[in-house]
Amino acid sequence: MFISILAILFDIKDYAADHNSSLKTFVVRKGLRKVIYTIVLPLTFIGVSVLCIFLMIEEKKLLSIVFFLIPMVLLLHVTLRLTKRRPVTWYLLVIDGLMLVKAICGMAAAVIG
């Protein structure tokens, strides 16, 4: 689910070019703000909720839970920043960086238990 949300966010960087080329991408069809506020943010909140429930059922340590939640909090922060136009390199760095943070935090949480 995390990567699916990142894929939608990554599609935002091509919004203007896709719109001008009449490509019917998800973001072009629905609109930038509508995608962010009605799809990406709710999916992220659902992901955080389900993750918290799962981690409580599994009785994970508090530090492990924090490591699992760091990428989700960063995803929320980045999503709220996408309403402004950014250079393409910003999208590449931030979205790829989120994938890297997710991997590192997941490994750290797995080691902690």
PDB file of N, CA and C in Angstrom:
ATOM      1  N   MET A   1       0.826  -1.184   0.000  1.00  0.00           N
ATOM      2  CA  MET A   1       0.000   0.000   0.000  1.00  0.00           C
ATOM      3  C   MET A   1       0.878   1.260   0.000  1.00  0.00           C
ATOM      4  N   PHE A   2       1.958   1.208   0.738  1.00  0.00           N
ATOM      5  CA  PHE A   2       2.887   2.346   0.797  1.00  0.00           C
ATOM      6  C   PHE A   2       3.422   2.673  -0.595  1.00  0.00           C
ATOM      7  N   ILE A   3       3.849   1.652  -1.322  1.00  0.00           N
ATOM      8  CA  ILE A   3       4.412   1.867  -2.662  1.00  0.00           C
ATOM      9  C   ILE A   3       3.328   2.316  -3.640  1.00  0.00           C
ATOM     10  N   SER A   4       2.114   1.827  -3.479  1.00  0.00           N
ATOM     11  CA  SER A   4       1.006   2.275  -4.336  1.00  0.00           C
ATOM     12  C   SER A   4       0.753   3.766  -4.154  1.00  0.00           C
ATOM     13  N   ILE A   5       0.784   4.209  -2.926  1.00  0.00           N
ATOM     14  CA  ILE A   5       0.602   5.637  -2.664  1.00  0.00           C
ATOM     15  C   ILE A   5       1.756   6.434  -3.253  1.00  0.00           C
ATOM     16  N   LEU A   6       2.967   5.914  -3.126  1.00  0.00           N
ATOM     17  CA  LEU A   6       4.118   6.598  -3.725  1.00  0.00           C
ATOM     18  C   LEU A   6       3.989   6.667  -5.243  1.00  0.00           C
ATOM     19  N   ALA A   7       3.444   5.633  -5.856  1.00  0.00           N
ATOM     20  CA  ALA A   7       3.258   5.642  -7.313  1.00  0.00           C
ATOM     21  C   ALA A   7       2.277   6.741  -7.721  1.00  0.00           C
ATOM     22  N   ILE A   8       1.209   6.913  -6.949  1.00  0.00           N
ATOM     23  CA  ILE A   8       0.261   7.994  -7.239  1.00  0.00           C
ATOM     24  C   ILE A   8       0.943   9.344  -7.074  1.00  0.00           C
ATOM     25  N   LEU A   9       1.723   9.493  -6.011  1.00  0.00           N
ATOM     26  CA  LEU A   9       2.443  10.751  -5.792  1.00  0.00           C
ATOM     27  C   LEU A   9       3.453  11.016  -6.902  1.00  0.00           C
ATOM     28  N   PHE A  10       4.092   9.963  -7.372  1.00  0.00           N
ATOM     29  CA  PHE A  10       5.083  10.118  -8.438  1.00  0.00           C
ATOM     30  C   PHE A  10       4.414  10.559  -9.739  1.00  0.00           C
ATOM     31  N   ASP A  11       3.171  10.135  -9.937  1.00  0.00           N
ATOM     32  CA  ASP A  11       2.433  10.520 -11.137  1.00  0.00           C
ATOM     33  C   ASP A  11       2.104  12.009 -11.131  1.00  0.00           C
ATOM     34  N   ILE A  12       2.087  12.609  -9.968  1.00  0.00           N
ATOM     35  CA  ILE A  12       1.788  14.039  -9.862  1.00  0.00           C
ATOM     36  C   ILE A  12       2.845  14.878 -10.571  1.00  0.00           C
ATOM     37  N   LYS A  13       4.091  14.424 -10.573  1.00  0.00           N
ATOM     38  CA  LYS A  13       5.160  15.217 -11.197  1.00  0.00           C
ATOM     39  C   LYS A  13       4.942  15.408 -12.696  1.00  0.00           C
ATOM     40  N   ASP A  14       4.239  14.484 -13.343  1.00  0.00           N
ATOM     41  CA  ASP A  14       3.974  14.561 -14.777  1.00  0.00           C
ATOM     42  C   ASP A  14       2.609  15.155 -15.090  1.00  0.00           C
ATOM     43  N   TYR A  15       1.967  15.742 -14.094  1.00  0.00           N
ATOM     44  CA  TYR A  15       0.597  16.211 -14.258  1.00  0.00           C
ATOM     45  C   TYR A  15       0.433  17.160 -15.448  1.00  0.00           C
ATOM     46  N   ALA A  16       1.261  18.201 -15.515  1.00  0.00           N
ATOM     47  CA  ALA A  16       1.121  19.203 -16.578  1.00  0.00           C
ATOM     48  C   ALA A  16       1.366  18.596 -17.957  1.00  0.00           C
ATOM     49  N   ALA A  17       2.414  17.808 -18.088  1.00  0.00           N
ATOM     50  CA  ALA A  17       2.722  17.188 -19.383  1.00  0.00           C
ATOM     51  C   ALA A  17       1.636  16.194 -19.786  1.00  0.00           C
ATOM     52  N   ASP A  18       1.149  15.420 -18.837  1.00  0.00           N
ATOM     53  CA  ASP A  18       0.085  14.459 -19.135  1.00  0.00           C
ATOM     54  C   ASP A  18      -1.202  15.173 -19.535  1.00  0.00           C
ATOM     55  N   HIS A  19      -1.497  16.272 -18.878  1.00  0.00           N
ATOM     56  CA  HIS A  19      -2.698  17.044 -19.201  1.00  0.00           C
ATOM     57  C   HIS A  19      -2.600  17.624 -20.605  1.00  0.00           C
ATOM     58  N   ASN A  20      -1.441  18.183 -20.938  1.00  0.00           N
ATOM     59  CA  ASN A  20      -1.239  18.759 -22.269  1.00  0.00           C
ATOM     60  C   ASN A  20      -1.244  17.706 -23.362  1.00  0.00           C
ATOM     61  N   SER A  21      -0.805  16.481 -23.028  1.00  0.00           N
ATOM     62  CA  SER A  21      -0.775  15.395 -24.007  1.00  0.00           C
ATOM     63  C   SER A  21      -2.084  14.614 -24.046  1.00  0.00           C
ATOM     64  N   SER A  22      -3.049  15.042 -23.273  1.00  0.00           N
ATOM     65  CA  SER A  22      -4.362  14.382 -23.174  1.00  0.00           C
ATOM     66  C   SER A  22      -4.270  12.942 -22.687  1.00  0.00           C
ATOM     67  N   LEU A  23      -3.255  12.648 -21.891  1.00  0.00           N
ATOM     68  CA  LEU A  23      -3.172  11.334 -21.255  1.00  0.00           C
ATOM     69  C   LEU A  23      -4.133  11.309 -20.081  1.00  0.00           C
ATOM     70  N   LYS A  24      -4.880  10.257 -19.971  1.00  0.00           N
ATOM     71  CA  LYS A  24      -5.882  10.165 -18.915  1.00  0.00           C
ATOM     72  C   LYS A  24      -5.324   9.406 -17.709  1.00  0.00           C
ATOM     73  N   THR A  25      -4.327   9.977 -17.081  1.00  0.00           N
ATOM     74  CA  THR A  25      -3.778   9.367 -15.872  1.00  0.00           C
ATOM     75  C   THR A  25      -4.743   9.627 -14.717  1.00  0.00           C
ATOM     76  N   PHE A  26      -4.511   8.952 -13.635  1.00  0.00           N
ATOM     77  CA  PHE A  26      -5.358   9.075 -12.458  1.00  0.00           C
ATOM     78  C   PHE A  26      -5.426  10.522 -11.984  1.00  0.00           C
ATOM     79  N   VAL A  27      -4.294  11.181 -11.945  1.00  0.00           N
ATOM     80  CA  VAL A  27      -4.222  12.554 -11.453  1.00  0.00           C
ATOM     81  C   VAL A  27      -4.892  13.520 -12.429  1.00  0.00           C
ATOM     82  N   VAL A  28      -4.740  13.294 -13.721  1.00  0.00           N
ATOM     83  CA  VAL A  28      -5.364  14.170 -14.720  1.00  0.00           C
ATOM     84  C   VAL A  28      -6.883  14.033 -14.661  1.00  0.00           C
ATOM     85  N   ARG A  29      -7.374  12.815 -14.535  1.00  0.00           N
ATOM     86  CA  ARG A  29      -8.824  12.598 -14.490  1.00  0.00           C
ATOM     87  C   ARG A  29      -9.474  13.222 -13.259  1.00  0.00           C
ATOM     88  N   LYS A  30      -8.867  13.031 -12.111  1.00  0.00           N
ATOM     89  CA  LYS A  30      -9.487  13.461 -10.852  1.00  0.00           C
ATOM     90  C   LYS A  30      -9.102  14.873 -10.442  1.00  0.00           C
ATOM     91  N   GLY A  31      -7.925  15.319 -10.840  1.00  0.00           N
ATOM     92  CA  GLY A  31      -7.434  16.619 -10.403  1.00  0.00           C
ATOM     93  C   GLY A  31      -6.467  16.460  -9.244  1.00  0.00           C
ATOM     94  N   LEU A  32      -5.515  17.353  -9.166  1.00  0.00           N
ATOM     95  CA  LEU A  32      -4.421  17.249  -8.199  1.00  0.00           C
ATOM     96  C   LEU A  32      -4.919  17.285  -6.755  1.00  0.00           C
ATOM     97  N   ARG A  33      -5.659  18.308  -6.398  1.00  0.00           N
ATOM     98  CA  ARG A  33      -6.126  18.430  -5.011  1.00  0.00           C
ATOM     99  C   ARG A  33      -7.078  17.305  -4.625  1.00  0.00           C
ATOM    100  N   LYS A  34      -7.935  16.916  -5.540  1.00  0.00           N
ATOM    101  CA  LYS A  34      -8.887  15.842  -5.238  1.00  0.00           C
ATOM    102  C   LYS A  34      -8.154  14.533  -4.987  1.00  0.00           C
ATOM    103  N   VAL A  35      -7.129  14.257  -5.769  1.00  0.00           N
ATOM    104  CA  VAL A  35      -6.344  13.036  -5.563  1.00  0.00           C
ATOM    105  C   VAL A  35      -5.656  13.068  -4.200  1.00  0.00           C
ATOM    106  N   ILE A  36      -5.084  14.202  -3.856  1.00  0.00           N
ATOM    107  CA  ILE A  36      -4.375  14.307  -2.580  1.00  0.00           C
ATOM    108  C   ILE A  36      -5.329  14.179  -1.404  1.00  0.00           C
ATOM    109  N   TYR A  37      -6.416  14.938  -1.428  1.00  0.00           N
ATOM    110  CA  TYR A  37      -7.281  15.008  -0.256  1.00  0.00           C
ATOM    111  C   TYR A  37      -8.338  13.912  -0.163  1.00  0.00           C
ATOM    112  N   THR A  38      -8.718  13.307  -1.281  1.00  0.00           N
ATOM    113  CA  THR A  38      -9.750  12.263  -1.205  1.00  0.00           C
ATOM    114  C   THR A  38      -9.219  10.850  -1.410  1.00  0.00           C
ATOM    115  N   ILE A  39      -7.988  10.732  -1.881  1.00  0.00           N
ATOM    116  CA  ILE A  39      -7.449   9.393  -2.126  1.00  0.00           C
ATOM    117  C   ILE A  39      -6.178   9.142  -1.322  1.00  0.00           C
ATOM    118  N   VAL A  40      -5.166   9.974  -1.520  1.00  0.00           N
ATOM    119  CA  VAL A  40      -3.861   9.719  -0.901  1.00  0.00           C
ATOM    120  C   VAL A  40      -3.913   9.857   0.627  1.00  0.00           C
ATOM    121  N   LEU A  41      -4.434  10.953   1.119  1.00  0.00           N
ATOM    122  CA  LEU A  41      -4.489  11.136   2.574  1.00  0.00           C
ATOM    123  C   LEU A  41      -5.360  10.089   3.281  1.00  0.00           C
ATOM    124  N   PRO A  42      -6.577   9.811   2.793  1.00  0.00           N
ATOM    125  CA  PRO A  42      -7.356   8.747   3.445  1.00  0.00           C
ATOM    126  C   PRO A  42      -6.670   7.381   3.401  1.00  0.00           C
ATOM    127  N   LEU A  43      -6.057   7.044   2.275  1.00  0.00           N
ATOM    128  CA  LEU A  43      -5.345   5.763   2.195  1.00  0.00           C
ATOM    129  C   LEU A  43      -4.180   5.721   3.182  1.00  0.00           C
ATOM    130  N   THR A  44      -3.508   6.838   3.346  1.00  0.00           N
ATOM    131  CA  THR A  44      -2.400   6.892   4.295  1.00  0.00           C
ATOM    132  C   THR A  44      -2.904   6.726   5.727  1.00  0.00           C
ATOM    133  N   PHE A  45      -3.992   7.403   6.066  1.00  0.00           N
ATOM    134  CA  PHE A  45      -4.559   7.255   7.414  1.00  0.00           C
ATOM    135  C   PHE A  45      -5.056   5.835   7.658  1.00  0.00           C
ATOM    136  N   ILE A  46      -5.653   5.230   6.650  1.00  0.00           N
ATOM    137  CA  ILE A  46      -6.086   3.832   6.773  1.00  0.00           C
ATOM    138  C   ILE A  46      -4.866   2.941   6.974  1.00  0.00           C
ATOM    139  N   GLY A  47      -3.801   3.198   6.220  1.00  0.00           N
ATOM    140  CA  GLY A  47      -2.571   2.422   6.361  1.00  0.00           C
ATOM    141  C   GLY A  47      -1.971   2.541   7.749  1.00  0.00           C
ATOM    142  N   VAL A  48      -1.960   3.751   8.291  1.00  0.00           N
ATOM    143  CA  VAL A  48      -1.428   3.957   9.645  1.00  0.00           C
ATOM    144  C   VAL A  48      -2.295   3.225  10.658  1.00  0.00           C
ATOM    145  N   SER A  49      -3.604   3.307  10.508  1.00  0.00           N
ATOM    146  CA  SER A  49      -4.519   2.640  11.441  1.00  0.00           C
ATOM    147  C   SER A  49      -4.348   1.130  11.411  1.00  0.00           C
ATOM    148  N   VAL A  50      -4.327   0.564  10.222  1.00  0.00           N
ATOM    149  CA  VAL A  50      -4.165  -0.884  10.090  1.00  0.00           C
ATOM    150  C   VAL A  50      -2.802  -1.327  10.614  1.00  0.00           C
ATOM    151  N   LEU A  51      -1.772  -0.552  10.336  1.00  0.00           N
ATOM    152  CA  LEU A  51      -0.434  -0.870  10.835  1.00  0.00           C
ATOM    153  C   LEU A  51      -0.398  -0.860  12.358  1.00  0.00           C
ATOM    154  N   CYS A  52      -1.017   0.150  12.964  1.00  0.00           N
ATOM    155  CA  CYS A  52      -1.052   0.219  14.435  1.00  0.00           C
ATOM    156  C   CYS A  52      -1.798  -0.971  15.031  1.00  0.00           C
ATOM    157  N   ILE A  53      -2.917  -1.326  14.444  1.00  0.00           N
ATOM    158  CA  ILE A  53      -3.679  -2.488  14.928  1.00  0.00           C
ATOM    159  C   ILE A  53      -2.844  -3.756  14.807  1.00  0.00           C
ATOM    160  N   PHE A  54      -2.200  -3.926  13.662  1.00  0.00           N
ATOM    161  CA  PHE A  54      -1.361  -5.107  13.456  1.00  0.00           C
ATOM    162  C   PHE A  54      -0.218  -5.167  14.466  1.00  0.00           C
ATOM    163  N   LEU A  55       0.435  -4.034  14.678  1.00  0.00           N
ATOM    164  CA  LEU A  55       1.571  -4.005  15.607  1.00  0.00           C
ATOM    165  C   LEU A  55       1.133  -4.259  17.047  1.00  0.00           C
ATOM    166  N   MET A  56      -0.062  -3.810  17.415  1.00  0.00           N
ATOM    167  CA  MET A  56      -0.574  -4.092  18.754  1.00  0.00           C
ATOM    168  C   MET A  56      -0.931  -5.565  18.921  1.00  0.00           C
ATOM    169  N   ILE A  57      -1.500  -6.146  17.883  1.00  0.00           N
ATOM    170  CA  ILE A  57      -1.825  -7.578  17.935  1.00  0.00           C
ATOM    171  C   ILE A  57      -0.557  -8.402  18.060  1.00  0.00           C
ATOM    172  N   GLU A  58       0.467  -7.996  17.334  1.00  0.00           N
ATOM    173  CA  GLU A  58       1.747  -8.701  17.369  1.00  0.00           C
ATOM    174  C   GLU A  58       2.559  -8.394  18.621  1.00  0.00           C
ATOM    175  N   GLU A  59       2.097  -7.448  19.427  1.00  0.00           N
ATOM    176  CA  GLU A  59       2.762  -7.047  20.665  1.00  0.00           C
ATOM    177  C   GLU A  59       4.225  -6.647  20.440  1.00  0.00           C
ATOM    178  N   LYS A  60       4.407  -5.767  19.489  1.00  0.00           N
ATOM    179  CA  LYS A  60       5.756  -5.267  19.183  1.00  0.00           C
ATOM    180  C   LYS A  60       6.208  -4.271  20.244  1.00  0.00           C
ATOM    181  N   LYS A  61       7.510  -4.115  20.356  1.00  0.00           N
ATOM    182  CA  LYS A  61       8.086  -3.146  21.281  1.00  0.00           C
ATOM    183  C   LYS A  61       7.790  -1.727  20.791  1.00  0.00           C
ATOM    184  N   LEU A  62       7.766  -0.786  21.718  1.00  0.00           N
ATOM    185  CA  LEU A  62       7.445   0.599  21.382  1.00  0.00           C
ATOM    186  C   LEU A  62       8.427   1.175  20.368  1.00  0.00           C
ATOM    187  N   LEU A  63       9.701   0.910  20.523  1.00  0.00           N
ATOM    188  CA  LEU A  63      10.700   1.425  19.584  1.00  0.00           C
ATOM    189  C   LEU A  63      10.487   0.845  18.189  1.00  0.00           C
ATOM    190  N   SER A  64      10.110  -0.400  18.126  1.00  0.00           N
ATOM    191  CA  SER A  64       9.807  -1.039  16.847  1.00  0.00           C
ATOM    192  C   SER A  64       8.603  -0.371  16.179  1.00  0.00           C
ATOM    193  N   ILE A  65       7.591  -0.066  16.971  1.00  0.00           N
ATOM    194  CA  ILE A  65       6.399   0.615  16.444  1.00  0.00           C
ATOM    195  C   ILE A  65       6.771   1.988  15.900  1.00  0.00           C
ATOM    196  N   VAL A  66       7.632   2.698  16.614  1.00  0.00           N
ATOM    197  CA  VAL A  66       8.075   4.018  16.160  1.00  0.00           C
ATOM    198  C   VAL A  66       8.783   3.909  14.815  1.00  0.00           C
ATOM    199  N   PHE A  67       9.657   2.927  14.670  1.00  0.00           N
ATOM    200  CA  PHE A  67      10.363   2.745  13.394  1.00  0.00           C
ATOM    201  C   PHE A  67       9.398   2.419  12.262  1.00  0.00           C
ATOM    202  N   PHE A  68       8.361   1.643  12.538  1.00  0.00           N
ATOM    203  CA  PHE A  68       7.373   1.336  11.510  1.00  0.00           C
ATOM    204  C   PHE A  68       6.555   2.570  11.121  1.00  0.00           C
ATOM    205  N   LEU A  69       6.336   3.479  12.063  1.00  0.00           N
ATOM    206  CA  LEU A  69       5.494   4.643  11.798  1.00  0.00           C
ATOM    207  C   LEU A  69       6.241   5.817  11.171  1.00  0.00           C
ATOM    208  N   ILE A  70       7.555   5.862  11.287  1.00  0.00           N
ATOM    209  CA  ILE A  70       8.337   6.974  10.720  1.00  0.00           C
ATOM    210  C   ILE A  70       8.060   7.175   9.229  1.00  0.00           C
ATOM    211  N   PRO A  71       8.104   6.132   8.381  1.00  0.00           N
ATOM    212  CA  PRO A  71       7.835   6.362   6.960  1.00  0.00           C
ATOM    213  C   PRO A  71       6.419   6.863   6.690  1.00  0.00           C
ATOM    214  N   MET A  72       5.449   6.411   7.490  1.00  0.00           N
ATOM    215  CA  MET A  72       4.073   6.847   7.282  1.00  0.00           C
ATOM    216  C   MET A  72       3.901   8.324   7.638  1.00  0.00           C
ATOM    217  N   VAL A  73       4.555   8.758   8.696  1.00  0.00           N
ATOM    218  CA  VAL A  73       4.487  10.167   9.088  1.00  0.00           C
ATOM    219  C   VAL A  73       5.171  11.027   8.024  1.00  0.00           C
ATOM    220  N   LEU A  74       6.304  10.575   7.526  1.00  0.00           N
ATOM    221  CA  LEU A  74       6.990  11.308   6.453  1.00  0.00           C
ATOM    222  C   LEU A  74       6.142  11.351   5.188  1.00  0.00           C
ATOM    223  N   LEU A  75       5.427  10.266   4.903  1.00  0.00           N
ATOM    224  CA  LEU A  75       4.542  10.234   3.743  1.00  0.00           C
ATOM    225  C   LEU A  75       3.434  11.274   3.879  1.00  0.00           C
ATOM    226  N   LEU A  76       2.856  11.386   5.062  1.00  0.00           N
ATOM    227  CA  LEU A  76       1.839  12.412   5.299  1.00  0.00           C
ATOM    228  C   LEU A  76       2.422  13.813   5.094  1.00  0.00           C
ATOM    229  N   HIS A  77       3.607  14.031   5.616  1.00  0.00           N
ATOM    230  CA  HIS A  77       4.265  15.337   5.480  1.00  0.00           C
ATOM    231  C   HIS A  77       4.515  15.670   4.005  1.00  0.00           C
ATOM    232  N   VAL A  78       5.036  14.735   3.271  1.00  0.00           N
ATOM    233  CA  VAL A  78       5.327  14.957   1.851  1.00  0.00           C
ATOM    234  C   VAL A  78       4.034  15.186   1.073  1.00  0.00           C
ATOM    235  N   THR A  79       3.008  14.421   1.375  1.00  0.00           N
ATOM    236  CA  THR A  79       1.736  14.562   0.673  1.00  0.00           C
ATOM    237  C   THR A  79       1.165  15.965   0.839  1.00  0.00           C
ATOM    238  N   LEU A  80       1.244  16.498   2.027  1.00  0.00           N
ATOM    239  CA  LEU A  80       0.723  17.842   2.260  1.00  0.00           C
ATOM    240  C   LEU A  80       1.559  18.915   1.581  1.00  0.00           C
ATOM    241  N   ARG A  81       2.796  18.608   1.249  1.00  0.00           N
ATOM    242  CA  ARG A  81       3.680  19.551   0.552  1.00  0.00           C
ATOM    243  C   ARG A  81       3.500  19.520  -0.972  1.00  0.00           C
ATOM    244  N   LEU A  82       2.741  18.581  -1.487  1.00  0.00           N
ATOM    245  CA  LEU A  82       2.630  18.422  -2.941  1.00  0.00           C
ATOM    246  C   LEU A  82       1.667  19.397  -3.601  1.00  0.00           C
ATOM    247  N   THR A  83       1.029  20.249  -2.843  1.00  0.00           N
ATOM    248  CA  THR A  83       0.104  21.192  -3.456  1.00  0.00           C
ATOM    249  C   THR A  83       0.832  22.317  -4.199  1.00  0.00           C
ATOM    250  N   LYS A  84       2.110  22.509  -3.913  1.00  0.00           N
ATOM    251  CA  LYS A  84       2.929  23.500  -4.626  1.00  0.00           C
ATOM    252  C   LYS A  84       3.683  22.815  -5.763  1.00  0.00           C
ATOM    253  N   ARG A  85       3.983  23.589  -6.791  1.00  0.00           N
ATOM    254  CA  ARG A  85       4.808  23.058  -7.879  1.00  0.00           C
ATOM    255  C   ARG A  85       6.239  22.914  -7.425  1.00  0.00           C
ATOM    256  N   ARG A  86       6.829  21.794  -7.789  1.00  0.00           N
ATOM    257  CA  ARG A  86       8.218  21.509  -7.432  1.00  0.00           C
ATOM    258  C   ARG A  86       8.970  21.062  -8.672  1.00  0.00           C
ATOM    259  N   PRO A  87      10.293  21.185  -8.663  1.00  0.00           N
ATOM    260  CA  PRO A  87      11.089  20.657  -9.778  1.00  0.00           C
ATOM    261  C   PRO A  87      11.026  19.120  -9.798  1.00  0.00           C
ATOM    262  N   VAL A  88      11.263  18.549 -10.957  1.00  0.00           N
ATOM    263  CA  VAL A  88      11.208  17.097 -11.117  1.00  0.00           C
ATOM    264  C   VAL A  88      12.204  16.406 -10.192  1.00  0.00           C
ATOM    265  N   THR A  89      13.367  16.998 -10.013  1.00  0.00           N
ATOM    266  CA  THR A  89      14.370  16.379  -9.139  1.00  0.00           C
ATOM    267  C   THR A  89      13.875  16.284  -7.698  1.00  0.00           C
ATOM    268  N   TRP A  90      13.045  17.226  -7.264  1.00  0.00           N
ATOM    269  CA  TRP A  90      12.477  17.173  -5.917  1.00  0.00           C
ATOM    270  C   TRP A  90      11.620  15.927  -5.772  1.00  0.00           C
ATOM    271  N   TYR A  91      10.767  15.681  -6.763  1.00  0.00           N
ATOM    272  CA  TYR A  91       9.919  14.489  -6.721  1.00  0.00           C
ATOM    273  C   TYR A  91      10.765  13.214  -6.691  1.00  0.00           C
ATOM    274  N   LEU A  92      11.783  13.177  -7.542  1.00  0.00           N
ATOM    275  CA  LEU A  92      12.636  11.991  -7.596  1.00  0.00           C
ATOM    276  C   LEU A  92      13.338  11.749  -6.270  1.00  0.00           C
ATOM    277  N   LEU A  93      13.925  12.792  -5.706  1.00  0.00           N
ATOM    278  CA  LEU A  93      14.636  12.642  -4.437  1.00  0.00           C
ATOM    279  C   LEU A  93      13.699  12.271  -3.293  1.00  0.00           C
ATOM    280  N   VAL A  94      12.580  12.938  -3.193  1.00  0.00           N
ATOM    281  CA  VAL A  94      11.684  12.721  -2.069  1.00  0.00           C
ATOM    282  C   VAL A  94      11.022  11.350  -2.143  1.00  0.00           C
ATOM    283  N   ILE A  95      10.504  10.981  -3.286  1.00  0.00           N
ATOM    284  CA  ILE A  95       9.787   9.704  -3.387  1.00  0.00           C
ATOM    285  C   ILE A  95      10.755   8.531  -3.296  1.00  0.00           C
ATOM    286  N   ASP A  96      11.891   8.624  -3.957  1.00  0.00           N
ATOM    287  CA  ASP A  96      12.890   7.561  -3.812  1.00  0.00           C
ATOM    288  C   ASP A  96      13.445   7.538  -2.393  1.00  0.00           C
ATOM    289  N   GLY A  97      13.590   8.719  -1.796  1.00  0.00           N
ATOM    290  CA  GLY A  97      14.043   8.791  -0.414  1.00  0.00           C
ATOM    291  C   GLY A  97      13.058   8.142   0.548  1.00  0.00           C
ATOM    292  N   LEU A  98      11.763   8.311   0.292  1.00  0.00           N
ATOM    293  CA  LEU A  98      10.761   7.658   1.134  1.00  0.00           C
ATOM    294  C   LEU A  98      10.847   6.136   1.036  1.00  0.00           C
ATOM    295  N   MET A  99      11.127   5.641  -0.164  1.00  0.00           N
ATOM    296  CA  MET A  99      11.293   4.186  -0.315  1.00  0.00           C
ATOM    297  C   MET A  99      12.501   3.701   0.472  1.00  0.00           C
ATOM    298  N   LEU A 100      13.576   4.462   0.419  1.00  0.00           N
ATOM    299  CA  LEU A 100      14.783   4.104   1.159  1.00  0.00           C
ATOM    300  C   LEU A 100      14.537   4.163   2.670  1.00  0.00           C
ATOM    301  N   VAL A 101      13.862   5.208   3.130  1.00  0.00           N
ATOM    302  CA  VAL A 101      13.543   5.333   4.558  1.00  0.00           C
ATOM    303  C   VAL A 101      12.654   4.176   5.000  1.00  0.00           C
ATOM    304  N   LYS A 102      11.688   3.807   4.182  1.00  0.00           N
ATOM    305  CA  LYS A 102      10.801   2.679   4.512  1.00  0.00           C
ATOM    306  C   LYS A 102      11.607   1.388   4.678  1.00  0.00           C
ATOM    307  N   ALA A 103      12.542   1.160   3.784  1.00  0.00           N
ATOM    308  CA  ALA A 103      13.367  -0.048   3.869  1.00  0.00           C
ATOM    309  C   ALA A 103      14.253  -0.032   5.109  1.00  0.00           C
ATOM    310  N   ILE A 104      14.910   1.078   5.367  1.00  0.00           N
ATOM    311  CA  ILE A 104      15.809   1.179   6.520  1.00  0.00           C
ATOM    312  C   ILE A 104      15.035   1.044   7.826  1.00  0.00           C
ATOM    313  N   CYS A 105      13.900   1.734   7.924  1.00  0.00           N
ATOM    314  CA  CYS A 105      13.095   1.655   9.149  1.00  0.00           C
ATOM    315  C   CYS A 105      12.517   0.249   9.342  1.00  0.00           C
ATOM    316  N   GLY A 106      12.121  -0.388   8.250  1.00  0.00           N
ATOM    317  CA  GLY A 106      11.610  -1.756   8.345  1.00  0.00           C
ATOM    318  C   GLY A 106      12.667  -2.720   8.842  1.00  0.00           C
ATOM    319  N   MET A 107      13.891  -2.576   8.347  1.00  0.00           N
ATOM    320  CA  MET A 107      14.974  -3.436   8.810  1.00  0.00           C
ATOM    321  C   MET A 107      15.312  -3.163  10.267  1.00  0.00           C
ATOM    322  N   ALA A 108      15.331  -1.897  10.654  1.00  0.00           N
ATOM    323  CA  ALA A 108      15.615  -1.549  12.048  1.00  0.00           C
ATOM    324  C   ALA A 108      14.544  -2.092  12.976  1.00  0.00           C
ATOM    325  N   ALA A 109      13.289  -1.970  12.558  1.00  0.00           N
ATOM    326  CA  ALA A 109      12.189  -2.484  13.391  1.00  0.00           C
ATOM    327  C   ALA A 109      12.234  -4.006  13.495  1.00  0.00           C
ATOM    328  N   ALA A 110      12.632  -4.665  12.418  1.00  0.00           N
ATOM    329  CA  ALA A 110      12.739  -6.130  12.449  1.00  0.00           C
ATOM    330  C   ALA A 110      13.860  -6.583  13.378  1.00  0.00           C
ATOM    331  N   VAL A 111      14.950  -5.851  13.392  1.00  0.00           N
ATOM    332  CA  VAL A 111      16.071  -6.210  14.271  1.00  0.00           C
ATOM    333  C   VAL A 111      15.686  -5.996  15.736  1.00  0.00           C
ATOM    334  N   ILE A 112      14.981  -4.905  15.997  1.00  0.00           N
ATOM    335  CA  ILE A 112      14.571  -4.594  17.380  1.00  0.00           C
ATOM    336  C   ILE A 112      13.547  -5.603  17.873  1.00  0.00           C
ATOM    337  N   GLY A 113      12.638  -5.977  16.969  1.00  0.00           N
ATOM    338  CA  GLY A 113      11.621  -6.992  17.347  1.00  0.00           C
ATOM    339  C   GLY A 113      10.421  -6.336  17.791  1.00  0.00           C
TER     340      GLY A 113
END
